[in-house]
Amino acid sequence: MQRQRLSTRIARLSTARPLLGAALALTALIAAALPAAASPAGKYPGPSDGSPRPVVSVAQGALRGRVHDGAQEFLGVPYAAAPVGDGRLRAPQEPRRWNGVREAVEQAPACLQFSPFGLRDPRAVSEDCLYLDVYRPRSARAGARLPVILWMHGGAYSQGTGTQFGGRTMAELTGGIVISINYRLGQLGYLGLPELGRENAPRSGSFGLMDQIQALRWTRENIGAFGGDRGNVTVSGQSAGSGSVCGLLAAPSAAGLFHRAVLQSGPCTLLRTPDGARAESEARAFAASAGCADPAGVVACLRAASGQALVDAARTHATSGPASGDGLLPRDPAAAIAAGTWNKVPVLIGSTRSEARFFVALTQPGLTAEQYAEQVLSGYGAAGPEVLLRYPVSAHGSPYLALSAVMTDSTFACQTAWTAQLFARQVPTFAYEFDDPDSPTLAGAQVPGLDESNAHSAELAYLHDFTMGERPLSSVQVALATRMKRYWGAFARYGVPAAAGQTPWPATGPGGAVLKLGPTGDRLDREFAADHQCGFWRTQPSRPL
């Protein structure tokens, strides 16, 4: 039933694009598109050795966390005031102070989900959701100056939660601090009404991006109390979370708040931002569906509406994420990066070997050879016959795998390579491809008889204490996961993913070399662009989201 709802949603998003609906429109439906475990509840006991639970004092008051194996966790920490009531659809404000010691042992609710599917427990959502979780090594102390990774979940800017991405094992293994955040989603997070923009300094309705910047400001002010280094913060995200990293790279108000960037399966040249005119048109159509068509009272009407009414109105008006052309995001991130007018930091960027298998499996599991040819010919017009010659069904084993290869190469793989080259001309850039032919996929997304390994989101279980994997990692996969965490941890610490005893990972150059991460070992791959036929795809019209 869950898969049926997901497929229905994808099909609705796909109608405007004849071929790439299962990739270009579908890249919006990412890791958080499927059910996640409910947030844990209840008090956590003290360490088994009888030592006291950790207490840290931040600007708002004292926090008492918990010990979990070799790490400490501080969960459900507010980084902004609750954006409810008159605070709805406003820029985030500083969190309120509290008296005494605040228990930080339970994760906060997810932000309101703007999709017809979501968490297993629909009660585990709230507009009061601007919280983060902090994970640090058990030995960490104030003043230790540990590297910090701030993670932003994916979910089409409309769904998901940071609580699905624990950082305990990353913190324990690498000796760094991991922060996972929630940010406002859907039209509560991204609504391009000029009336809303006039109420804040950036003159923007991209409240989700403002939330992310507020989380970085909170981190700069408070991470030293946890033992973190405010001068060494890495922003990291996957899919729409990677698109959020692109936004932070191009946002002038985020300058100096972070010092490295990790982009996973969300290249900036693919996840393009709508301009102000498009964002306003989408926002007014949504407001009208919510019963707030009168421009004179649209803001008050939207703030008075129930959360469910806004979710219901969004069913036919998907959000496009942050808009560009305002004070918050003056230029589209890809354009800003190409022009050199961005917050320049070292970059780690990559994708999975077969990104599009996830989308094709969920939308077209019974694809025939005839249907495959029809989609290619209708979607690529004059170039269609050449695409069929380059991607014949006979070379891939099935129409499903052939279409997945077309969509993977034309969107994620080559766009990742091109984005990496934009970065590499200006800053140290390290590119990867995740390639585990037996990787688990997301819980609930399995289609019998279809190989979904290496699909979109496959790498997440290897980097996080992930709650959405359909099965545990094998011992060989755990070894790969350990290497990946060490690469990521070294990049966060030094700006170079140089992990002792592991394969050297040089910066990518004009040849576009990437490190291929696999279960039997990691190796430098200089044929990435050729393998994904990026020379051919560069000659085709750009199809950004």
Protein backbone atom coordinates (compact mmCIF):
# COMPACT_ATOMS: atom_id res chain seq x y z
CA MET A 1 0.00 0.00 0.00
CA GLN A 2 2.85 2.37 0.83
CA ARG A 3 4.49 1.68 -2.53
CA GLN A 4 1.19 2.33 -4.32
CA ARG A 5 0.90 5.76 -2.73
CA LEU A 6 4.52 6.53 -3.62
CA SER A 7 4.00 5.44 -7.22
CA THR A 8 0.87 7.58 -7.48
CA ARG A 9 2.75 10.60 -6.20
CA ILE A 10 5.64 10.01 -8.63
CA ALA A 11 3.29 9.55 -11.55
CA ARG A 12 1.58 12.84 -10.75
CA LEU A 13 4.90 14.67 -10.64
CA SER A 14 5.98 13.05 -13.90
CA THR A 15 3.17 14.08 -16.21
CA ALA A 16 4.84 17.26 -17.44
CA ARG A 17 8.02 15.52 -18.66
CA PRO A 18 7.53 12.66 -21.14
CA LEU A 19 10.71 10.62 -20.57
CA LEU A 20 12.52 11.99 -17.60
CA GLY A 21 9.54 12.01 -15.29
CA ALA A 22 10.98 8.95 -13.56
CA ALA A 23 14.30 10.73 -13.04
CA LEU A 24 14.22 14.49 -13.40
CA ALA A 25 10.90 14.91 -11.63
CA LEU A 26 11.59 11.82 -9.56
CA THR A 27 14.91 12.88 -8.09
CA ALA A 28 12.72 14.96 -5.82
CA LEU A 29 11.56 11.79 -4.07
CA ILE A 30 14.58 10.69 -2.14
CA ALA A 31 15.78 8.94 0.96
CA ALA A 32 12.96 10.19 3.14
CA ALA A 33 10.24 9.15 0.72
CA LEU A 34 9.54 5.94 2.62
CA PRO A 35 8.46 5.14 6.16
CA ALA A 36 10.86 5.76 9.00
CA ALA A 37 10.91 4.41 12.49
CA ALA A 38 9.14 6.49 15.07
CA SER A 39 11.26 8.62 17.36
CA PRO A 40 12.46 6.88 20.51
CA ALA A 41 10.71 7.74 23.71
CA GLY A 42 11.44 7.44 27.39
CA LYS A 43 14.34 8.34 29.64
CA TYR A 44 17.70 6.74 28.97
CA PRO A 45 19.58 5.21 31.87
CA GLY A 46 23.04 6.33 32.88
CA PRO A 47 26.21 4.56 31.72
CA SER A 48 26.62 0.98 32.90
CA ASP A 49 29.85 1.87 34.70
CA GLY A 50 27.89 4.11 37.07
CA SER A 51 29.39 7.39 35.85
CA PRO A 52 27.02 10.35 35.56
CA ARG A 53 25.26 11.22 32.33
CA PRO A 54 26.96 14.06 30.42
CA VAL A 55 25.86 17.66 30.96
CA VAL A 56 26.73 20.52 28.59
CA SER A 57 25.81 24.20 28.95
CA VAL A 58 24.81 26.11 25.82
CA ALA A 59 23.61 29.68 25.46
CA GLN A 60 20.02 28.74 26.31
CA GLY A 61 20.77 26.59 29.36
CA ALA A 62 22.14 23.22 30.46
CA LEU A 63 21.54 19.95 28.57
CA ARG A 64 21.79 16.45 30.00
CA GLY A 65 22.45 13.85 27.31
CA ARG A 66 23.01 10.11 27.33
CA VAL A 67 25.83 7.65 26.67
CA HIS A 68 25.47 5.11 23.88
CA ASP A 69 28.42 2.74 23.51
CA GLY A 70 31.48 4.87 22.73
CA ALA A 71 29.58 8.06 22.02
CA GLN A 72 27.41 10.62 23.78
CA GLU A 73 24.11 11.85 22.37
CA PHE A 74 22.24 15.10 23.04
CA LEU A 75 18.85 14.73 21.36
CA GLY A 76 16.01 17.11 20.63
CA VAL A 77 18.03 20.31 21.16
CA PRO A 78 16.18 23.47 20.04
CA TYR A 79 18.22 25.66 17.69
CA ALA A 80 15.40 28.12 16.99
CA ALA A 81 12.13 29.21 18.53
CA ALA A 82 9.05 27.19 17.59
CA PRO A 83 7.75 28.55 14.23
CA VAL A 84 4.11 28.29 15.25
CA GLY A 85 1.22 30.71 15.58
CA ASP A 86 2.37 34.14 14.49
CA GLY A 87 5.84 32.62 13.97
CA ARG A 88 4.57 30.49 11.08
CA LEU A 89 6.03 31.57 7.72
CA ARG A 90 8.57 33.85 9.35
CA ALA A 91 12.35 33.80 9.52
CA PRO A 92 13.63 31.63 12.39
CA GLN A 93 14.18 33.32 15.73
CA GLU A 94 16.62 32.53 18.53
CA PRO A 95 15.55 29.67 20.82
CA ARG A 96 14.24 30.55 24.24
CA ARG A 97 16.26 30.02 27.38
CA TRP A 98 15.21 27.46 29.97
CA ASN A 99 15.81 27.06 33.67
CA GLY A 100 17.54 24.10 35.24
CA VAL A 101 18.84 21.16 33.22
CA ARG A 102 16.95 20.14 30.08
CA GLU A 103 16.75 16.41 29.42
CA ALA A 104 18.19 15.78 25.93
CA VAL A 105 17.43 12.07 25.57
CA GLU A 106 14.45 12.05 23.17
CA GLN A 107 14.42 13.03 19.53
CA ALA A 108 12.03 15.76 18.46
CA PRO A 109 9.12 15.26 16.07
CA ALA A 110 9.64 15.53 12.33
CA CYS A 111 8.53 18.74 10.69
CA LEU A 112 5.09 18.66 9.09
CA GLN A 113 5.27 16.31 6.08
CA PHE A 114 3.96 17.63 2.76
CA SER A 115 3.38 14.32 1.00
CA PRO A 116 0.61 11.70 0.90
CA PHE A 117 2.93 9.24 2.60
CA GLY A 118 5.39 9.68 5.42
CA LEU A 119 6.37 8.39 8.83
CA ARG A 120 4.99 5.19 10.26
CA ASP A 121 3.64 7.14 13.20
CA PRO A 122 1.72 10.12 11.78
CA ARG A 123 1.65 11.64 15.29
CA ALA A 124 5.43 12.04 15.25
CA VAL A 125 5.21 15.31 13.32
CA SER A 126 4.77 18.90 14.45
CA GLU A 127 5.25 22.46 13.30
CA ASP A 128 7.33 22.83 16.47
CA CYS A 129 10.22 20.95 14.90
CA LEU A 130 13.34 23.13 14.72
CA TYR A 131 15.56 20.82 16.73
CA LEU A 132 18.85 19.05 16.20
CA ASP A 133 20.70 16.03 17.58
CA VAL A 134 24.38 16.21 18.59
CA TYR A 135 26.65 13.14 18.68
CA ARG A 136 30.17 13.33 20.09
CA PRO A 137 32.88 10.86 21.16
CA ARG A 138 32.51 9.73 24.74
CA SER A 139 35.89 11.26 25.59
CA ALA A 140 35.02 14.71 24.18
CA ARG A 141 35.36 17.70 26.44
CA ALA A 142 34.82 21.44 26.05
CA GLY A 143 37.72 23.07 24.27
CA ALA A 144 38.81 19.90 22.43
CA ARG A 145 38.34 21.58 19.01
CA LEU A 146 36.95 18.51 17.26
CA PRO A 147 35.80 18.72 13.62
CA VAL A 148 32.05 19.10 13.14
CA ILE A 149 29.76 17.64 10.45
CA LEU A 150 26.28 19.16 10.15
CA TRP A 151 23.95 16.85 8.21
CA MET A 152 20.83 17.88 6.28
CA HIS A 153 18.39 15.13 5.27
CA GLY A 154 16.80 14.79 1.86
CA GLY A 155 13.15 14.42 0.97
CA ALA A 156 12.27 16.71 -1.96
CA TYR A 157 12.20 19.66 0.45
CA SER A 158 8.79 18.28 1.44
CA GLN A 159 9.35 15.32 3.76
CA GLY A 160 11.81 13.51 6.00
CA THR A 161 13.54 14.17 9.29
CA GLY A 162 17.05 14.37 10.66
CA THR A 163 16.20 11.79 13.32
CA GLN A 164 16.53 9.03 10.71
CA PHE A 165 20.28 9.75 10.47
CA GLY A 166 22.11 9.00 13.69
CA GLY A 167 25.75 10.06 13.98
CA ARG A 168 26.89 7.90 16.89
CA THR A 169 29.17 5.51 15.00
CA MET A 170 30.64 8.29 12.84
CA ALA A 171 31.49 10.30 15.96
CA GLU A 172 32.92 7.28 17.77
CA LEU A 173 34.98 6.06 14.81
CA THR A 174 36.37 9.39 13.59
CA GLY A 175 36.65 11.38 16.80
CA GLY A 176 34.47 14.16 15.41
CA ILE A 177 31.09 15.66 16.23
CA VAL A 178 28.01 15.00 14.10
CA ILE A 179 24.87 17.16 14.09
CA SER A 180 21.65 16.12 12.34
CA ILE A 181 18.94 18.76 11.93
CA ASN A 182 15.30 19.20 11.05
CA TYR A 183 14.25 22.15 8.88
CA ARG A 184 10.84 23.34 7.71
CA LEU A 185 9.43 21.51 4.71
CA GLY A 186 6.93 21.99 1.92
CA GLN A 187 5.16 25.31 1.69
CA LEU A 188 5.91 26.04 5.35
CA GLY A 189 9.58 25.97 4.38
CA TYR A 190 9.50 27.32 0.84
CA LEU A 191 6.77 29.74 -0.20
CA GLY A 192 7.72 32.49 -2.61
CA LEU A 193 5.06 35.07 -1.78
CA PRO A 194 6.39 38.64 -1.96
CA GLU A 195 4.14 39.53 0.99
CA LEU A 196 6.12 37.11 3.15
CA GLY A 197 9.46 38.32 1.86
CA ARG A 198 8.69 41.88 2.83
CA GLU A 199 8.58 40.76 6.48
CA ASN A 200 12.27 39.75 6.72
CA ALA A 201 15.67 41.20 5.91
CA PRO A 202 16.54 38.74 3.09
CA ARG A 203 13.17 39.46 1.48
CA SER A 204 12.70 35.75 0.94
CA GLY A 205 10.18 32.99 1.55
CA SER A 206 12.84 30.25 1.66
CA PHE A 207 12.38 29.58 5.37
CA GLY A 208 13.90 26.09 5.17
CA LEU A 209 17.18 27.56 3.94
CA MET A 210 16.97 30.21 6.66
CA ASP A 211 16.50 27.40 9.20
CA GLN A 212 19.66 25.70 7.97
CA ILE A 213 21.61 28.95 8.32
CA GLN A 214 20.16 29.42 11.81
CA ALA A 215 21.33 25.89 12.72
CA LEU A 216 24.82 26.85 11.55
CA ARG A 217 24.70 30.02 13.65
CA TRP A 218 23.63 28.00 16.68
CA THR A 219 26.51 25.63 15.97
CA ARG A 220 29.02 28.48 15.77
CA GLU A 221 27.82 29.83 19.10
CA ASN A 222 27.52 26.57 21.02
CA ILE A 223 29.58 23.77 19.55
CA GLY A 224 32.64 24.67 21.61
CA ALA A 225 30.77 23.55 24.73
CA PHE A 226 30.53 20.05 23.22
CA GLY A 227 34.22 20.03 22.33
CA GLY A 228 33.71 21.08 18.70
CA ASP A 229 35.70 23.55 16.64
CA ARG A 230 33.53 26.42 15.44
CA GLY A 231 36.24 27.11 12.86
CA ASN A 232 35.99 23.65 11.30
CA VAL A 233 32.39 22.87 10.33
CA THR A 234 31.43 20.69 7.35
CA VAL A 235 27.95 20.97 5.81
CA SER A 236 26.73 17.70 4.34
CA GLY A 237 23.56 16.45 2.68
CA GLN A 238 22.06 13.96 0.23
CA SER A 239 19.72 14.64 -2.70
CA ALA A 240 17.54 17.59 -1.64
CA GLY A 241 19.88 17.84 1.37
CA SER A 242 22.71 18.19 -1.15
CA GLY A 243 20.65 20.82 -2.93
CA SER A 244 20.50 22.59 0.44
CA VAL A 245 24.30 22.48 0.57
CA CYS A 246 24.31 24.10 -2.88
CA GLY A 247 22.05 26.82 -1.46
CA LEU A 248 24.39 27.42 1.47
CA LEU A 249 27.37 27.66 -0.87
CA ALA A 250 25.61 30.44 -2.79
CA ALA A 251 23.97 32.27 0.16
CA PRO A 252 25.95 35.39 1.21
CA SER A 253 24.56 35.21 4.75
CA ALA A 254 26.07 31.72 5.19
CA ALA A 255 29.61 32.95 4.52
CA GLY A 256 32.03 31.94 7.26
CA LEU A 257 29.58 29.58 8.97
CA PHE A 258 31.12 26.44 7.44
CA HIS A 259 34.48 25.41 6.05
CA ARG A 260 33.92 22.29 3.93
CA ALA A 261 31.01 20.83 1.96
CA VAL A 262 29.84 17.30 1.10
CA LEU A 263 27.29 16.78 -1.70
CA GLN A 264 25.78 13.30 -2.12
CA SER A 265 23.53 12.51 -5.10
CA GLY A 266 22.45 16.11 -5.56
CA PRO A 267 24.72 18.01 -7.99
CA CYS A 268 24.13 21.75 -8.15
CA THR A 269 23.80 21.75 -11.95
CA LEU A 270 20.83 19.38 -11.66
CA LEU A 271 18.92 20.74 -8.66
CA ARG A 272 18.26 24.20 -10.05
CA THR A 273 16.31 26.79 -8.09
CA PRO A 274 13.18 28.47 -9.44
CA ASP A 275 13.38 32.21 -10.06
CA GLY A 276 11.16 34.65 -8.21
CA ALA A 277 8.44 34.77 -10.86
CA ARG A 278 8.04 30.99 -10.97
CA ALA A 279 8.19 30.72 -7.18
CA GLU A 280 5.49 33.39 -6.79
CA SER A 281 3.24 31.72 -9.36
CA GLU A 282 3.54 28.39 -7.55
CA ALA A 283 2.94 30.06 -4.19
CA ARG A 284 -0.22 31.86 -5.30
CA ALA A 285 -1.66 28.70 -6.81
CA PHE A 286 -0.98 26.88 -3.54
CA ALA A 287 -2.50 29.69 -1.46
CA ALA A 288 -5.63 29.65 -3.59
CA SER A 289 -5.97 25.89 -3.03
CA ALA A 290 -5.65 26.53 0.70
CA GLY A 291 -8.55 29.03 0.52
CA CYS A 292 -6.28 32.09 0.69
CA ALA A 293 -6.65 33.62 -2.77
CA ASP A 294 -7.12 37.27 -1.69
CA PRO A 295 -3.69 39.00 -1.91
CA ALA A 296 -4.75 41.54 0.69
CA GLY A 297 -5.20 38.90 3.36
CA VAL A 298 -3.15 35.99 2.09
CA VAL A 299 -0.51 36.06 4.85
CA ALA A 300 -3.01 36.23 7.72
CA CYS A 301 -5.11 33.55 6.05
CA LEU A 302 -2.17 31.15 5.70
CA ARG A 303 -1.11 31.71 9.30
CA ALA A 304 -4.65 31.02 10.52
CA ALA A 305 -5.13 27.84 8.47
CA SER A 306 -4.68 24.44 10.08
CA GLY A 307 -1.54 22.53 9.30
CA GLN A 308 -3.61 19.75 7.76
CA ALA A 309 -5.32 22.25 5.44
CA LEU A 310 -1.90 23.35 4.16
CA VAL A 311 -0.80 19.75 3.67
CA ASP A 312 -4.02 18.98 1.79
CA ALA A 313 -3.54 22.01 -0.47
CA ALA A 314 0.01 20.89 -1.25
CA ARG A 315 -1.15 17.55 -2.63
CA THR A 316 -1.55 19.16 -6.05
CA HIS A 317 1.09 21.88 -5.65
CA ALA A 318 4.53 20.40 -5.00
CA THR A 319 7.18 22.81 -3.74
CA SER A 320 10.35 23.46 -5.73
CA GLY A 321 12.54 24.23 -2.75
CA PRO A 322 14.42 27.51 -2.25
CA ALA A 323 14.03 30.21 -4.89
CA SER A 324 16.80 32.41 -6.22
CA GLY A 325 16.79 36.10 -7.04
CA ASP A 326 16.27 37.54 -3.54
CA GLY A 327 18.55 38.73 -0.77
CA LEU A 328 18.93 35.24 0.67
CA LEU A 329 19.93 33.54 -2.59
CA PRO A 330 20.77 36.22 -5.17
CA ARG A 331 21.72 33.73 -7.91
CA ASP A 332 20.99 30.12 -8.72
CA PRO A 333 23.76 28.11 -6.99
CA ALA A 334 25.08 26.55 -10.20
CA ALA A 335 25.35 29.99 -11.82
CA ALA A 336 27.01 31.46 -8.73
CA ILE A 337 29.55 28.62 -8.61
CA ALA A 338 30.32 28.95 -12.33
CA ALA A 339 30.87 32.69 -11.87
CA GLY A 340 33.07 32.19 -8.80
CA THR A 341 30.73 34.21 -6.57
CA TRP A 342 30.15 31.64 -3.83
CA ASN A 343 31.37 30.64 -0.39
CA LYS A 344 34.51 28.82 -1.52
CA VAL A 345 35.44 25.77 0.57
CA PRO A 346 36.88 22.32 -0.23
CA VAL A 347 34.25 19.97 -1.66
CA LEU A 348 33.60 16.22 -1.56
CA ILE A 349 30.99 15.20 -4.14
CA GLY A 350 29.63 11.97 -5.60
CA SER A 351 26.79 9.68 -6.59
CA THR A 352 25.81 6.02 -6.60
CA ARG A 353 26.50 3.75 -9.54
CA SER A 354 22.84 3.21 -10.55
CA GLU A 355 20.88 6.10 -9.03
CA ALA A 356 17.77 5.81 -11.19
CA ARG A 357 16.99 2.17 -10.42
CA PHE A 358 15.07 3.32 -7.36
CA PHE A 359 12.73 5.54 -9.36
CA VAL A 360 12.19 3.21 -12.31
CA ALA A 361 11.55 0.21 -10.05
CA LEU A 362 8.83 2.05 -8.16
CA THR A 363 7.11 3.54 -11.19
CA GLN A 364 7.63 1.11 -14.07
CA PRO A 365 8.43 -2.35 -12.70
CA GLY A 366 6.85 -4.08 -15.69
CA LEU A 367 8.44 -1.91 -18.40
CA THR A 368 8.54 -3.61 -21.81
CA ALA A 369 11.08 -3.14 -24.59
CA GLU A 370 8.44 -1.38 -26.69
CA GLN A 371 7.56 1.01 -23.87
CA TYR A 372 11.24 1.72 -23.27
CA ALA A 373 11.77 2.65 -26.92
CA GLU A 374 8.65 4.81 -26.95
CA GLN A 375 9.79 6.75 -23.88
CA VAL A 376 13.25 7.37 -25.26
CA LEU A 377 11.99 8.48 -28.66
CA SER A 378 9.32 10.78 -27.20
CA GLY A 379 11.59 12.17 -24.52
CA TYR A 380 14.68 12.89 -26.59
CA GLY A 381 13.15 13.76 -29.93
CA ALA A 382 15.82 13.91 -32.64
CA ALA A 383 18.42 12.41 -30.29
CA GLY A 384 16.16 9.48 -29.37
CA PRO A 385 17.47 7.02 -31.97
CA GLU A 386 21.04 7.73 -30.87
CA VAL A 387 20.09 7.12 -27.23
CA LEU A 388 18.60 3.74 -28.18
CA LEU A 389 21.79 2.82 -30.05
CA ARG A 390 23.92 3.75 -27.06
CA TYR A 391 21.64 2.04 -24.53
CA PRO A 392 20.20 -1.08 -26.19
CA VAL A 393 18.18 -3.44 -24.03
CA SER A 394 20.46 -6.29 -25.11
CA ALA A 395 23.48 -4.61 -23.50
CA HIS A 396 21.71 -4.10 -20.14
CA GLY A 397 19.67 -7.26 -19.76
CA SER A 398 16.19 -5.73 -19.41
CA PRO A 399 14.22 -2.61 -20.33
CA TYR A 400 14.22 -1.71 -16.62
CA LEU A 401 18.00 -1.70 -16.43
CA ALA A 402 18.36 0.10 -19.77
CA LEU A 403 16.03 2.94 -18.77
CA SER A 404 17.74 3.13 -15.37
CA ALA A 405 21.10 3.53 -17.11
CA VAL A 406 19.77 6.28 -19.39
CA MET A 407 18.35 8.22 -16.47
CA THR A 408 21.34 7.64 -14.19
CA ASP A 409 23.82 8.84 -16.79
CA SER A 410 21.85 11.78 -18.16
CA THR A 411 20.97 13.18 -14.75
CA PHE A 412 22.95 12.16 -11.70
CA ALA A 413 26.25 10.78 -12.99
CA CYS A 414 27.14 13.35 -15.61
CA GLN A 415 25.65 16.29 -13.72
CA THR A 416 27.78 15.21 -10.75
CA ALA A 417 30.87 15.12 -12.97
CA TRP A 418 30.12 18.55 -14.40
CA THR A 419 29.41 20.06 -10.99
CA ALA A 420 32.66 18.56 -9.70
CA GLN A 421 34.56 20.21 -12.53
CA LEU A 422 33.01 23.59 -11.71
CA PHE A 423 34.29 23.21 -8.17
CA ALA A 424 37.66 21.74 -9.14
CA ARG A 425 38.62 24.83 -11.12
CA GLN A 426 38.36 26.87 -7.93
CA VAL A 427 38.83 24.70 -4.81
CA PRO A 428 40.19 21.27 -3.83
CA THR A 429 37.50 18.83 -4.95
CA PHE A 430 37.25 15.11 -4.27
CA ALA A 431 34.85 12.99 -6.32
CA TYR A 432 33.52 9.48 -5.62
CA GLU A 433 31.15 6.84 -6.95
CA PHE A 434 29.51 4.40 -4.56
CA ASP A 435 29.42 0.94 -6.15
CA ASP A 436 28.24 -2.01 -4.06
CA PRO A 437 26.38 -4.46 -6.33
CA ASP A 438 24.68 -6.02 -3.29
CA SER A 439 23.75 -2.89 -1.37
CA PRO A 440 20.45 -2.86 0.55
CA THR A 441 17.79 -0.43 -0.54
CA LEU A 442 15.21 1.52 1.45
CA ALA A 443 12.72 -0.36 3.61
CA GLY A 444 9.49 -0.90 1.73
CA ALA A 445 10.92 -0.07 -1.70
CA GLN A 446 11.79 -3.60 -2.85
CA VAL A 447 10.18 -4.80 -6.09
CA PRO A 448 10.40 -8.60 -6.56
CA GLY A 449 12.63 -9.62 -9.43
CA LEU A 450 14.33 -6.24 -9.90
CA ASP A 451 17.93 -5.47 -8.95
CA GLU A 452 17.84 -2.20 -7.00
CA SER A 453 21.42 -2.25 -5.78
CA ASN A 454 23.43 0.97 -6.03
CA ALA A 455 20.23 2.97 -6.38
CA HIS A 456 19.50 6.44 -5.05
CA SER A 457 20.10 6.55 -1.27
CA ALA A 458 22.06 3.27 -1.23
CA GLU A 459 25.08 4.87 0.47
CA LEU A 460 23.16 6.30 3.42
CA ALA A 461 23.24 3.11 5.48
CA TYR A 462 27.03 3.08 5.14
CA LEU A 463 27.55 6.57 6.56
CA HIS A 464 24.87 6.91 9.25
CA ASP A 465 23.13 4.97 11.99
CA PHE A 466 20.31 4.73 9.47
CA THR A 467 16.78 3.68 10.41
CA MET A 468 15.49 3.06 6.88
CA GLY A 469 17.60 0.20 5.52
CA GLU A 470 15.71 -2.89 4.38
CA ARG A 471 18.32 -5.22 5.91
CA PRO A 472 21.50 -5.00 7.99
CA LEU A 473 24.89 -4.66 6.33
CA SER A 474 27.01 -7.78 5.96
CA SER A 475 30.47 -7.97 7.51
CA VAL A 476 32.04 -7.04 4.16
CA GLN A 477 29.67 -4.08 3.84
CA VAL A 478 30.43 -2.98 7.39
CA ALA A 479 34.10 -2.86 6.39
CA LEU A 480 33.18 -0.63 3.43
CA ALA A 481 31.06 1.53 5.71
CA THR A 482 33.99 1.90 8.11
CA ARG A 483 36.28 3.03 5.29
CA MET A 484 33.70 5.52 4.06
CA LYS A 485 33.22 7.01 7.51
CA ARG A 486 36.98 7.38 7.84
CA TYR A 487 37.24 9.13 4.46
CA TRP A 488 34.40 11.49 5.38
CA GLY A 489 35.85 12.06 8.85
CA ALA A 490 39.30 12.86 7.46
CA PHE A 491 37.78 15.31 4.99
CA ALA A 492 35.92 17.03 7.82
CA ARG A 493 39.10 17.21 9.90
CA TYR A 494 41.67 18.20 7.26
CA GLY A 495 39.80 19.21 4.11
CA VAL A 496 41.38 16.17 2.42
CA PRO A 497 39.91 12.61 2.64
CA ALA A 498 43.28 11.08 3.53
CA ALA A 499 42.58 8.14 5.86
CA ALA A 500 45.55 6.19 7.18
CA GLY A 501 45.89 2.73 5.67
CA GLN A 502 43.26 3.37 3.00
CA THR A 503 43.45 4.00 -0.74
CA PRO A 504 44.88 7.47 -1.50
CA TRP A 505 42.18 9.82 -2.77
CA PRO A 506 43.64 12.64 -4.87
CA ALA A 507 41.75 15.76 -5.83
CA THR A 508 39.92 15.44 -9.13
CA GLY A 509 41.44 17.25 -12.09
CA PRO A 510 40.60 17.90 -15.76
CA GLY A 511 40.41 14.14 -16.36
CA GLY A 512 37.63 13.80 -13.81
CA ALA A 513 39.09 10.92 -11.80
CA VAL A 514 36.84 9.60 -9.02
CA LEU A 515 37.38 7.17 -6.16
CA LYS A 516 35.16 4.15 -6.68
CA LEU A 517 33.99 2.86 -3.28
CA GLY A 518 33.20 -0.85 -3.28
CA PRO A 519 32.96 -3.85 -0.96
CA THR A 520 36.15 -5.52 -2.25
CA GLY A 521 38.22 -2.36 -2.02
CA ASP A 522 38.44 1.20 -3.26
CA ARG A 523 40.20 2.27 -6.45
CA LEU A 524 40.83 5.38 -8.49
CA ASP A 525 38.63 5.36 -11.60
CA ARG A 526 39.67 7.54 -14.55
CA GLU A 527 36.92 6.23 -16.86
CA PHE A 528 33.89 7.58 -14.97
CA ALA A 529 32.88 10.09 -17.67
CA ALA A 530 33.35 7.54 -20.44
CA ASP A 531 31.47 4.81 -18.57
CA HIS A 532 28.48 7.12 -18.15
CA GLN A 533 28.76 8.55 -21.71
CA CYS A 534 29.04 12.10 -20.43
CA GLY A 535 30.57 13.34 -23.69
CA PHE A 536 27.33 12.42 -25.45
CA TRP A 537 25.07 13.82 -22.76
CA ARG A 538 26.89 17.15 -22.75
CA THR A 539 25.64 17.71 -26.31
CA GLN A 540 22.01 17.23 -25.28
CA PRO A 541 19.72 20.03 -24.04
CA SER A 542 20.01 20.67 -20.30
CA ARG A 543 17.06 19.34 -18.30
CA PRO A 544 17.49 20.68 -14.76
CA LEU A 545 14.83 20.12 -12.13
